[in-house]
Amino acid sequence: MSLIALALAATLRLDQGARAYIPASAGEKPPLLVLLHGAGGTPNSILAAFRHEAERHGVVLLAPRSRGLTWDLIAQARPRTTAAPTLDEDLTRIRAAMTALSTRRPTDPARTAIGGFSDGASTALTIGLAHPQLFGTILAYSPGMAFAPSRYDPAQRIFIAHGRSDTVLPFANTERNLVPGLQARVKVTFRPFDGEHGMTAEVQEEGVAYFAT
């Protein structure tokens, strides 16, 4: 990126610890990718991970902060997994961040995606599937689970990437259970890769390109 482009790019501080990154390449009404960090992560860390892809595709990034160490959805689910926990707290924080951003940098509501890594990926899948009118695309990097919505939108698109050597959230669960269950209902692109619990530059680029092009 040139020094001129760096000068035009901007990071915004929003309420409740949320952060946004506006790439120099963003158009008048750019697409928006809402990114949810993993357990113990921060908005700044996940924004930094995707800045290159944001610049390449002109995508605005928005990263809300979880209320605790991880997202409420995951914290509630761990003690009991027989019933879907409430999405209210997480969704409220995400909507508040989106509203705050819209007053400072409008984006295209018809081109909005939600994505995340690890616990953030599980939360993004669950919230995105439940709210296809908000998020036409979901990007999930190394998810652990997803709770089924009351109904699916067959027009929604999902990109899932997972490292084959992941020992934190097992690859086998995604490959054998999560992906086949979703593929029967919505459009899913599954990208296994050689790696552990993390993301590679290749799968990050592939996911953002999947959304933005």
C-alpha atoms as a PDB file:
ATOM      1  CA  MET A   1       0.000   0.000   0.000  1.00  0.00           C
ATOM      2  CA  SER A   2       1.341   3.454  -0.852  1.00  0.00           C
ATOM      3  CA  LEU A   3       1.930   6.216   1.701  1.00  0.00           C
ATOM      4  CA  ILE A   4      -0.949   8.166   0.129  1.00  0.00           C
ATOM      5  CA  ALA A   5      -3.339   5.227   0.571  1.00  0.00           C
ATOM      6  CA  LEU A   6      -2.198   4.763   4.159  1.00  0.00           C
ATOM      7  CA  ALA A   7      -2.990   8.408   4.835  1.00  0.00           C
ATOM      8  CA  LEU A   8      -6.522   7.978   3.487  1.00  0.00           C
ATOM      9  CA  ALA A   9      -7.327   4.788   5.370  1.00  0.00           C
ATOM     10  CA  ALA A  10      -8.943   5.268   8.787  1.00  0.00           C
ATOM     11  CA  THR A  11      -9.633   3.336  11.985  1.00  0.00           C
ATOM     12  CA  LEU A  12     -12.696   4.492  13.926  1.00  0.00           C
ATOM     13  CA  ARG A  13     -13.344   4.056  17.646  1.00  0.00           C
ATOM     14  CA  LEU A  14     -16.999   3.329  18.381  1.00  0.00           C
ATOM     15  CA  ASP A  15     -19.056   2.757  21.524  1.00  0.00           C
ATOM     16  CA  GLN A  16     -18.682  -0.374  23.684  1.00  0.00           C
ATOM     17  CA  GLY A  17     -15.144  -1.001  22.493  1.00  0.00           C
ATOM     18  CA  ALA A  18     -16.072  -1.588  18.833  1.00  0.00           C
ATOM     19  CA  ARG A  19     -13.642  -0.588  16.103  1.00  0.00           C
ATOM     20  CA  ALA A  20     -14.019  -0.055  12.352  1.00  0.00           C
ATOM     21  CA  TYR A  21     -11.501   0.085   9.541  1.00  0.00           C
ATOM     22  CA  ILE A  22     -12.236   2.156   6.444  1.00  0.00           C
ATOM     23  CA  PRO A  23      -9.851   1.210   3.627  1.00  0.00           C
ATOM     24  CA  ALA A  24      -8.583   3.837   1.237  1.00  0.00           C
ATOM     25  CA  SER A  25     -10.131   1.773  -1.575  1.00  0.00           C
ATOM     26  CA  ALA A  26     -13.700   2.013  -0.180  1.00  0.00           C
ATOM     27  CA  GLY A  27     -16.237   3.477  -2.597  1.00  0.00           C
ATOM     28  CA  GLU A  28     -19.206   5.706  -1.853  1.00  0.00           C
ATOM     29  CA  LYS A  29     -21.398   2.841  -0.553  1.00  0.00           C
ATOM     30  CA  PRO A  30     -18.930   0.014   0.135  1.00  0.00           C
ATOM     31  CA  PRO A  31     -19.726  -3.502   1.321  1.00  0.00           C
ATOM     32  CA  LEU A  32     -19.494  -4.131   5.068  1.00  0.00           C
ATOM     33  CA  LEU A  33     -17.939  -7.137   6.791  1.00  0.00           C
ATOM     34  CA  VAL A  34     -18.741  -7.470  10.503  1.00  0.00           C
ATOM     35  CA  LEU A  35     -15.942  -9.473  12.155  1.00  0.00           C
ATOM     36  CA  LEU A  36     -16.256 -11.258  15.515  1.00  0.00           C
ATOM     37  CA  HIS A  37     -13.023 -11.993  17.363  1.00  0.00           C
ATOM     38  CA  GLY A  38     -12.227 -15.301  19.050  1.00  0.00           C
ATOM     39  CA  ALA A  39     -12.165 -15.972  22.806  1.00  0.00           C
ATOM     40  CA  GLY A  40      -9.653 -13.648  24.436  1.00  0.00           C
ATOM     41  CA  GLY A  41      -9.255 -11.701  21.202  1.00  0.00           C
ATOM     42  CA  THR A  42      -9.933  -8.044  20.557  1.00  0.00           C
ATOM     43  CA  PRO A  43     -11.516  -5.938  17.815  1.00  0.00           C
ATOM     44  CA  ASN A  44      -8.111  -4.495  16.978  1.00  0.00           C
ATOM     45  CA  SER A  45      -6.544  -7.926  16.496  1.00  0.00           C
ATOM     46  CA  ILE A  46      -9.146  -9.191  14.058  1.00  0.00           C
ATOM     47  CA  LEU A  47      -9.206  -5.894  12.159  1.00  0.00           C
ATOM     48  CA  ALA A  48      -5.433  -6.088  11.757  1.00  0.00           C
ATOM     49  CA  ALA A  49      -5.725  -9.637  10.402  1.00  0.00           C
ATOM     50  CA  PHE A  50      -8.095  -8.564   7.577  1.00  0.00           C
ATOM     51  CA  ARG A  51      -6.812  -5.105   6.605  1.00  0.00           C
ATOM     52  CA  HIS A  52      -4.979  -6.320   3.519  1.00  0.00           C
ATOM     53  CA  GLU A  53      -8.095  -8.041   2.177  1.00  0.00           C
ATOM     54  CA  ALA A  54     -10.215  -4.997   3.029  1.00  0.00           C
ATOM     55  CA  GLU A  55      -7.938  -2.771   0.955  1.00  0.00           C
ATOM     56  CA  ARG A  56      -7.859  -5.200  -1.957  1.00  0.00           C
ATOM     57  CA  HIS A  57     -11.638  -5.472  -2.186  1.00  0.00           C
ATOM     58  CA  GLY A  58     -12.778  -2.060  -0.873  1.00  0.00           C
ATOM     59  CA  VAL A  59     -14.602  -3.625   2.074  1.00  0.00           C
ATOM     60  CA  VAL A  60     -15.273  -1.719   5.303  1.00  0.00           C
ATOM     61  CA  LEU A  61     -14.534  -3.797   8.412  1.00  0.00           C
ATOM     62  CA  LEU A  62     -16.472  -3.518  11.668  1.00  0.00           C
ATOM     63  CA  ALA A  63     -15.367  -5.383  14.802  1.00  0.00           C
ATOM     64  CA  PRO A  64     -17.635  -5.280  17.872  1.00  0.00           C
ATOM     65  CA  ARG A  65     -16.215  -6.367  21.243  1.00  0.00           C
ATOM     66  CA  SER A  66     -17.690  -9.243  23.234  1.00  0.00           C
ATOM     67  CA  ARG A  67     -19.037  -8.324  26.663  1.00  0.00           C
ATOM     68  CA  GLY A  68     -16.819 -10.871  28.429  1.00  0.00           C
ATOM     69  CA  LEU A  69     -13.869 -13.072  27.498  1.00  0.00           C
ATOM     70  CA  THR A  70     -15.966 -14.577  24.721  1.00  0.00           C
ATOM     71  CA  TRP A  71     -19.365 -14.032  23.147  1.00  0.00           C
ATOM     72  CA  ASP A  72     -22.413 -14.522  25.368  1.00  0.00           C
ATOM     73  CA  LEU A  73     -23.785 -17.143  22.988  1.00  0.00           C
ATOM     74  CA  ILE A  74     -20.734 -19.358  23.578  1.00  0.00           C
ATOM     75  CA  ALA A  75     -20.534 -18.694  27.308  1.00  0.00           C
ATOM     76  CA  GLN A  76     -24.170 -19.747  27.709  1.00  0.00           C
ATOM     77  CA  ALA A  77     -23.834 -22.775  25.448  1.00  0.00           C
ATOM     78  CA  ARG A  78     -20.887 -24.421  27.202  1.00  0.00           C
ATOM     79  CA  PRO A  79     -22.741 -25.478  30.366  1.00  0.00           C
ATOM     80  CA  ARG A  80     -25.670 -26.842  28.358  1.00  0.00           C
ATOM     81  CA  THR A  81     -25.825 -27.590  24.662  1.00  0.00           C
ATOM     82  CA  THR A  82     -29.294 -29.154  24.421  1.00  0.00           C
ATOM     83  CA  ALA A  83     -31.076 -25.842  23.832  1.00  0.00           C
ATOM     84  CA  ALA A  84     -30.021 -22.809  21.839  1.00  0.00           C
ATOM     85  CA  PRO A  85     -28.977 -19.931  24.113  1.00  0.00           C
ATOM     86  CA  THR A  86     -30.298 -16.438  23.581  1.00  0.00           C
ATOM     87  CA  LEU A  87     -28.757 -14.229  20.907  1.00  0.00           C
ATOM     88  CA  ASP A  88     -30.032 -11.012  22.483  1.00  0.00           C
ATOM     89  CA  GLU A  89     -26.877  -9.643  24.135  1.00  0.00           C
ATOM     90  CA  ASP A  90     -24.506 -10.369  21.258  1.00  0.00           C
ATOM     91  CA  LEU A  91     -26.957  -9.182  18.617  1.00  0.00           C
ATOM     92  CA  THR A  92     -27.628  -5.978  20.551  1.00  0.00           C
ATOM     93  CA  ARG A  93     -23.901  -5.175  20.644  1.00  0.00           C
ATOM     94  CA  ILE A  94     -23.500  -5.969  16.950  1.00  0.00           C
ATOM     95  CA  ARG A  95     -26.501  -3.866  15.929  1.00  0.00           C
ATOM     96  CA  ALA A  96     -25.310  -0.969  18.099  1.00  0.00           C
ATOM     97  CA  ALA A  97     -21.897  -1.064  16.424  1.00  0.00           C
ATOM     98  CA  MET A  98     -23.494  -1.157  12.974  1.00  0.00           C
ATOM     99  CA  THR A  99     -25.719   1.814  13.830  1.00  0.00           C
ATOM    100  CA  ALA A 100     -22.787   3.801  15.236  1.00  0.00           C
ATOM    101  CA  LEU A 101     -20.748   3.127  12.102  1.00  0.00           C
ATOM    102  CA  SER A 102     -23.606   4.120   9.788  1.00  0.00           C
ATOM    103  CA  THR A 103     -23.653   7.640  11.220  1.00  0.00           C
ATOM    104  CA  ARG A 104     -19.961   8.102  10.376  1.00  0.00           C
ATOM    105  CA  ARG A 105     -19.437   6.006   7.240  1.00  0.00           C
ATOM    106  CA  PRO A 106     -22.503   4.683   5.371  1.00  0.00           C
ATOM    107  CA  THR A 107     -22.175   1.247   3.781  1.00  0.00           C
ATOM    108  CA  ASP A 108     -24.363  -0.789   1.442  1.00  0.00           C
ATOM    109  CA  PRO A 109     -27.001  -2.660   3.497  1.00  0.00           C
ATOM    110  CA  ALA A 110     -27.547  -5.028   0.577  1.00  0.00           C
ATOM    111  CA  ARG A 111     -23.891  -6.099   0.765  1.00  0.00           C
ATOM    112  CA  THR A 112     -23.326  -6.902   4.416  1.00  0.00           C
ATOM    113  CA  ALA A 113     -21.632 -10.029   5.747  1.00  0.00           C
ATOM    114  CA  ILE A 114     -20.840 -11.353   9.198  1.00  0.00           C
ATOM    115  CA  GLY A 115     -17.763 -13.416   9.900  1.00  0.00           C
ATOM    116  CA  GLY A 116     -15.442 -14.465  12.651  1.00  0.00           C
ATOM    117  CA  PHE A 117     -12.729 -16.729  13.949  1.00  0.00           C
ATOM    118  CA  SER A 118     -13.113 -19.607  16.442  1.00  0.00           C
ATOM    119  CA  ASP A 119     -15.817 -18.646  19.004  1.00  0.00           C
ATOM    120  CA  GLY A 120     -16.459 -15.630  16.796  1.00  0.00           C
ATOM    121  CA  ALA A 121     -17.055 -17.961  13.839  1.00  0.00           C
ATOM    122  CA  SER A 122     -19.572 -20.031  15.824  1.00  0.00           C
ATOM    123  CA  THR A 123     -21.350 -16.856  16.903  1.00  0.00           C
ATOM    124  CA  ALA A 124     -21.293 -15.437  13.371  1.00  0.00           C
ATOM    125  CA  LEU A 125     -22.813 -18.631  11.986  1.00  0.00           C
ATOM    126  CA  THR A 126     -25.587 -18.715  14.586  1.00  0.00           C
ATOM    127  CA  ILE A 127     -26.479 -15.020  14.358  1.00  0.00           C
ATOM    128  CA  GLY A 128     -26.046 -14.869  10.588  1.00  0.00           C
ATOM    129  CA  LEU A 129     -28.270 -17.891   9.967  1.00  0.00           C
ATOM    130  CA  ALA A 130     -30.953 -16.439  12.250  1.00  0.00           C
ATOM    131  CA  HIS A 131     -30.839 -13.041  10.503  1.00  0.00           C
ATOM    132  CA  PRO A 132     -30.369 -13.524   6.746  1.00  0.00           C
ATOM    133  CA  GLN A 133     -32.112 -10.190   6.121  1.00  0.00           C
ATOM    134  CA  LEU A 134     -29.112  -8.491   7.762  1.00  0.00           C
ATOM    135  CA  PHE A 135     -26.318 -10.758   6.571  1.00  0.00           C
ATOM    136  CA  GLY A 136     -26.488 -12.226   3.092  1.00  0.00           C
ATOM    137  CA  THR A 137     -23.086 -13.887   3.508  1.00  0.00           C
ATOM    138  CA  ILE A 138     -21.358 -15.585   6.451  1.00  0.00           C
ATOM    139  CA  LEU A 139     -17.607 -16.213   6.715  1.00  0.00           C
ATOM    140  CA  ALA A 140     -16.645 -18.733   9.402  1.00  0.00           C
ATOM    141  CA  TYR A 141     -12.987 -19.485  10.147  1.00  0.00           C
ATOM    142  CA  SER A 142     -12.430 -22.531  12.384  1.00  0.00           C
ATOM    143  CA  PRO A 143     -15.909 -22.672  13.961  1.00  0.00           C
ATOM    144  CA  GLY A 144     -16.880 -25.085  16.708  1.00  0.00           C
ATOM    145  CA  MET A 145     -20.651 -25.193  16.324  1.00  0.00           C
ATOM    146  CA  ALA A 146     -23.756 -23.383  15.152  1.00  0.00           C
ATOM    147  CA  PHE A 147     -27.298 -23.412  16.481  1.00  0.00           C
ATOM    148  CA  ALA A 148     -29.980 -24.002  13.869  1.00  0.00           C
ATOM    149  CA  PRO A 149     -32.380 -21.117  13.128  1.00  0.00           C
ATOM    150  CA  SER A 150     -36.145 -21.558  13.037  1.00  0.00           C
ATOM    151  CA  ARG A 151     -35.950 -21.373   9.241  1.00  0.00           C
ATOM    152  CA  TYR A 152     -33.207 -21.089   6.644  1.00  0.00           C
ATOM    153  CA  ASP A 153     -32.862 -18.694   3.710  1.00  0.00           C
ATOM    154  CA  PRO A 154     -31.687 -20.737   0.705  1.00  0.00           C
ATOM    155  CA  ALA A 155     -30.292 -17.575  -0.907  1.00  0.00           C
ATOM    156  CA  GLN A 156     -27.798 -17.044   1.908  1.00  0.00           C
ATOM    157  CA  ARG A 157     -24.156 -17.926   1.172  1.00  0.00           C
ATOM    158  CA  ILE A 158     -21.685 -19.388   3.665  1.00  0.00           C
ATOM    159  CA  PHE A 159     -17.916 -19.769   3.463  1.00  0.00           C
ATOM    160  CA  ILE A 160     -16.284 -22.070   6.029  1.00  0.00           C
ATOM    161  CA  ALA A 161     -12.533 -22.629   6.373  1.00  0.00           C
ATOM    162  CA  HIS A 162     -10.915 -24.975   8.886  1.00  0.00           C
ATOM    163  CA  GLY A 163      -7.396 -26.293   9.483  1.00  0.00           C
ATOM    164  CA  ARG A 164      -7.053 -30.063   9.265  1.00  0.00           C
ATOM    165  CA  SER A 165      -4.716 -30.169  12.298  1.00  0.00           C
ATOM    166  CA  ASP A 166      -6.888 -28.042  14.595  1.00  0.00           C
ATOM    167  CA  THR A 167      -6.790 -29.480  18.141  1.00  0.00           C
ATOM    168  CA  VAL A 168      -8.793 -26.657  19.765  1.00  0.00           C
ATOM    169  CA  LEU A 169     -12.009 -26.943  17.739  1.00  0.00           C
ATOM    170  CA  PRO A 170     -11.702 -30.239  15.847  1.00  0.00           C
ATOM    171  CA  PHE A 171     -11.668 -30.190  12.061  1.00  0.00           C
ATOM    172  CA  ALA A 172     -13.578 -33.489  11.979  1.00  0.00           C
ATOM    173  CA  ASN A 173     -16.646 -31.921  13.592  1.00  0.00           C
ATOM    174  CA  THR A 174     -16.790 -29.233  10.916  1.00  0.00           C
ATOM    175  CA  GLU A 175     -16.161 -31.664   8.059  1.00  0.00           C
ATOM    176  CA  ARG A 176     -18.503 -34.453   9.197  1.00  0.00           C
ATOM    177  CA  ASN A 177     -21.287 -32.637  11.005  1.00  0.00           C
ATOM    178  CA  LEU A 178     -21.440 -28.877  10.574  1.00  0.00           C
ATOM    179  CA  VAL A 179     -20.803 -28.565   6.838  1.00  0.00           C
ATOM    180  CA  PRO A 180     -23.048 -31.457   5.665  1.00  0.00           C
ATOM    181  CA  GLY A 181     -25.878 -30.226   7.891  1.00  0.00           C
ATOM    182  CA  LEU A 182     -25.713 -26.756   6.384  1.00  0.00           C
ATOM    183  CA  GLN A 183     -25.182 -27.891   2.796  1.00  0.00           C
ATOM    184  CA  ALA A 184     -28.591 -29.554   2.830  1.00  0.00           C
ATOM    185  CA  ARG A 185     -30.210 -26.153   3.442  1.00  0.00           C
ATOM    186  CA  VAL A 186     -28.031 -23.261   2.210  1.00  0.00           C
ATOM    187  CA  LYS A 187     -25.158 -22.522  -0.175  1.00  0.00           C
ATOM    188  CA  VAL A 188     -21.891 -23.560   1.489  1.00  0.00           C
ATOM    189  CA  THR A 189     -18.319 -23.349   0.237  1.00  0.00           C
ATOM    190  CA  PHE A 190     -16.018 -25.422   2.451  1.00  0.00           C
ATOM    191  CA  ARG A 191     -12.285 -24.789   2.369  1.00  0.00           C
ATOM    192  CA  PRO A 192     -10.141 -27.234   4.367  1.00  0.00           C
ATOM    193  CA  PHE A 193      -6.501 -26.185   4.647  1.00  0.00           C
ATOM    194  CA  ASP A 194      -3.274 -27.526   6.100  1.00  0.00           C
ATOM    195  CA  GLY A 195      -2.858 -25.825   9.449  1.00  0.00           C
ATOM    196  CA  GLU A 196      -3.842 -25.696  13.104  1.00  0.00           C
ATOM    197  CA  HIS A 197      -6.278 -23.400  14.960  1.00  0.00           C
ATOM    198  CA  GLY A 198      -5.806 -20.224  12.973  1.00  0.00           C
ATOM    199  CA  MET A 199      -6.193 -18.605   9.577  1.00  0.00           C
ATOM    200  CA  THR A 200      -3.898 -18.415   6.596  1.00  0.00           C
ATOM    201  CA  ALA A 201      -3.586 -15.455   4.249  1.00  0.00           C
ATOM    202  CA  GLU A 202      -4.926 -17.656   1.446  1.00  0.00           C
ATOM    203  CA  VAL A 203      -8.178 -18.597   3.185  1.00  0.00           C
ATOM    204  CA  GLN A 204      -8.704 -15.049   4.446  1.00  0.00           C
ATOM    205  CA  GLU A 205      -8.397 -13.747   0.891  1.00  0.00           C
ATOM    206  CA  GLU A 206     -10.621 -16.495  -0.473  1.00  0.00           C
ATOM    207  CA  GLY A 207     -13.347 -15.753   2.052  1.00  0.00           C
ATOM    208  CA  VAL A 208     -13.376 -11.984   1.550  1.00  0.00           C
ATOM    209  CA  ALA A 209     -13.300 -12.431  -2.235  1.00  0.00           C
ATOM    210  CA  TYR A 210     -16.216 -14.896  -1.918  1.00  0.00           C
ATOM    211  CA  PHE A 211     -18.217 -12.127  -0.244  1.00  0.00           C
ATOM    212  CA  ALA A 212     -17.070  -9.087  -2.177  1.00  0.00           C
ATOM    213  CA  THR A 213     -17.052 -10.364  -5.770  1.00  0.00           C
END
